[in-house]
Amino acid sequence: MDDQTRIELEAAAFRRLRQHLMQDRTDVQNIDMMNLTGFCRNCLSRWYQEAANEKGIDMGKDEAREIFYGMTMDAWKSTYQTEANADKQKAFEKAFSENVTAKDA
């Protein structure tokens, strides 16, 4: 497989993941994703922002999140986010400390 085809396939897979999380599974909470996988929608949007910045594209955290979520973070939270219980919050603290470095936060 040539590099251009590989890049196009990787981009297509990423777009499908983004659609899955934005539209198909809005019920899946970020805290659950982080607790199970070590990353969440915010991580994906941060990686998107970092890639844009590395290419010389000026993009902030809020803009990247809006691109990834399809709406503002506040709109997402009020529409889809549910309250996390104490056990989930404790697990999140552990997952966050294991997977997100100080420069990432």
Protein backbone atom coordinates (compact mmCIF):
# COMPACT_ATOMS: atom_id res chain seq x y z
CA MET A 1 0.00 0.00 0.00
CA ASP A 2 1.35 3.42 -0.89
CA ASP A 3 1.63 6.22 1.69
CA GLN A 4 -1.16 8.37 0.21
CA THR A 5 -3.63 5.47 0.31
CA ARG A 6 -2.62 4.67 3.90
CA ILE A 7 -3.12 8.31 4.92
CA GLU A 8 -6.54 8.41 3.24
CA LEU A 9 -7.63 5.20 4.96
CA GLU A 10 -6.40 6.43 8.35
CA ALA A 11 -8.26 9.71 7.83
CA ALA A 12 -11.43 7.83 6.84
CA ALA A 13 -11.19 5.66 9.96
CA PHE A 14 -10.72 8.74 12.14
CA ARG A 15 -13.71 10.48 10.55
CA ARG A 16 -15.83 7.39 11.20
CA LEU A 17 -14.67 7.24 14.84
CA ARG A 18 -15.53 10.92 15.21
CA GLN A 19 -18.98 10.35 13.71
CA HIS A 20 -19.53 7.36 15.95
CA LEU A 21 -18.77 9.39 19.08
CA MET A 22 -20.52 12.59 17.91
CA GLN A 23 -23.70 11.10 16.47
CA ASP A 24 -24.09 7.36 17.00
CA ARG A 25 -23.04 7.02 20.66
CA THR A 26 -23.68 10.32 22.38
CA ASP A 27 -24.74 8.21 25.37
CA VAL A 28 -21.14 7.14 25.98
CA GLN A 29 -19.74 9.46 28.61
CA ASN A 30 -16.20 10.87 28.40
CA ILE A 31 -15.51 9.74 31.96
CA ASP A 32 -16.37 6.15 31.01
CA MET A 33 -14.13 6.33 27.94
CA MET A 34 -11.23 7.69 29.99
CA ASN A 35 -11.73 5.11 32.73
CA LEU A 36 -11.79 2.22 30.24
CA THR A 37 -9.42 3.34 27.51
CA GLY A 38 -7.26 6.14 28.86
CA PHE A 39 -8.59 8.67 26.35
CA CYS A 40 -11.85 10.49 25.63
CA ARG A 41 -13.38 12.98 23.23
CA ASN A 42 -11.38 15.78 24.83
CA CYS A 43 -8.16 13.86 24.21
CA LEU A 44 -9.12 13.34 20.57
CA SER A 45 -9.87 17.03 20.14
CA ARG A 46 -6.56 17.93 21.82
CA TRP A 47 -4.67 15.60 19.47
CA TYR A 48 -6.50 17.25 16.55
CA GLN A 49 -5.48 20.70 17.84
CA GLU A 50 -1.86 19.60 18.32
CA ALA A 51 -1.73 18.23 14.77
CA ALA A 52 -3.15 21.51 13.42
CA ASN A 53 -0.66 23.56 15.44
CA GLU A 54 2.23 21.40 14.20
CA LYS A 55 1.12 22.24 10.65
CA GLY A 56 1.19 25.96 11.48
CA ILE A 57 -2.60 26.25 11.81
CA ASP A 58 -3.55 28.48 14.73
CA MET A 59 -6.20 26.56 16.65
CA GLY A 60 -7.16 26.79 20.31
CA LYS A 61 -8.67 24.18 22.60
CA ASP A 62 -12.24 25.48 22.32
CA GLU A 63 -12.12 25.58 18.52
CA ALA A 64 -10.74 22.03 18.35
CA ARG A 65 -13.42 20.77 20.73
CA GLU A 66 -16.17 22.44 18.70
CA ILE A 67 -14.83 20.83 15.52
CA PHE A 68 -14.72 17.44 17.22
CA TYR A 69 -17.99 17.66 19.16
CA GLY A 70 -19.94 19.46 16.44
CA MET A 71 -21.02 22.06 19.01
CA THR A 72 -19.58 24.03 21.90
CA MET A 73 -18.44 22.14 24.97
CA ASP A 74 -21.15 23.81 27.05
CA ALA A 75 -23.83 22.72 24.57
CA TRP A 76 -22.48 19.15 24.59
CA LYS A 77 -22.45 19.01 28.38
CA SER A 78 -25.97 20.34 28.74
CA THR A 79 -27.32 18.02 26.05
CA TYR A 80 -25.47 14.74 26.67
CA GLN A 81 -23.35 14.73 29.83
CA THR A 82 -24.68 12.98 32.91
CA GLU A 83 -23.54 13.23 36.52
CA ALA A 84 -20.68 10.89 37.42
CA ASN A 85 -20.85 9.04 40.73
CA ALA A 86 -17.99 9.04 43.25
CA ASP A 87 -16.60 5.70 42.03
CA LYS A 88 -16.38 6.93 38.44
CA GLN A 89 -14.76 10.17 39.58
CA LYS A 90 -12.16 8.28 41.61
CA ALA A 91 -11.41 5.96 38.67
CA PHE A 92 -11.14 9.02 36.42
CA GLU A 93 -8.53 10.62 38.68
CA LYS A 94 -6.42 7.46 38.40
CA ALA A 95 -6.91 7.12 34.62
CA PHE A 96 -6.17 10.79 34.07
CA SER A 97 -2.97 10.68 36.10
CA GLU A 98 -1.82 7.57 34.21
CA ASN A 99 -2.66 8.81 30.71
CA VAL A 100 -2.49 12.60 30.59
CA THR A 101 0.78 14.40 31.17
CA ALA A 102 1.04 17.87 32.71
CA LYS A 103 1.67 19.40 29.26
CA ASP A 104 -1.49 17.73 27.91
CA ALA A 105 -3.86 19.04 30.58
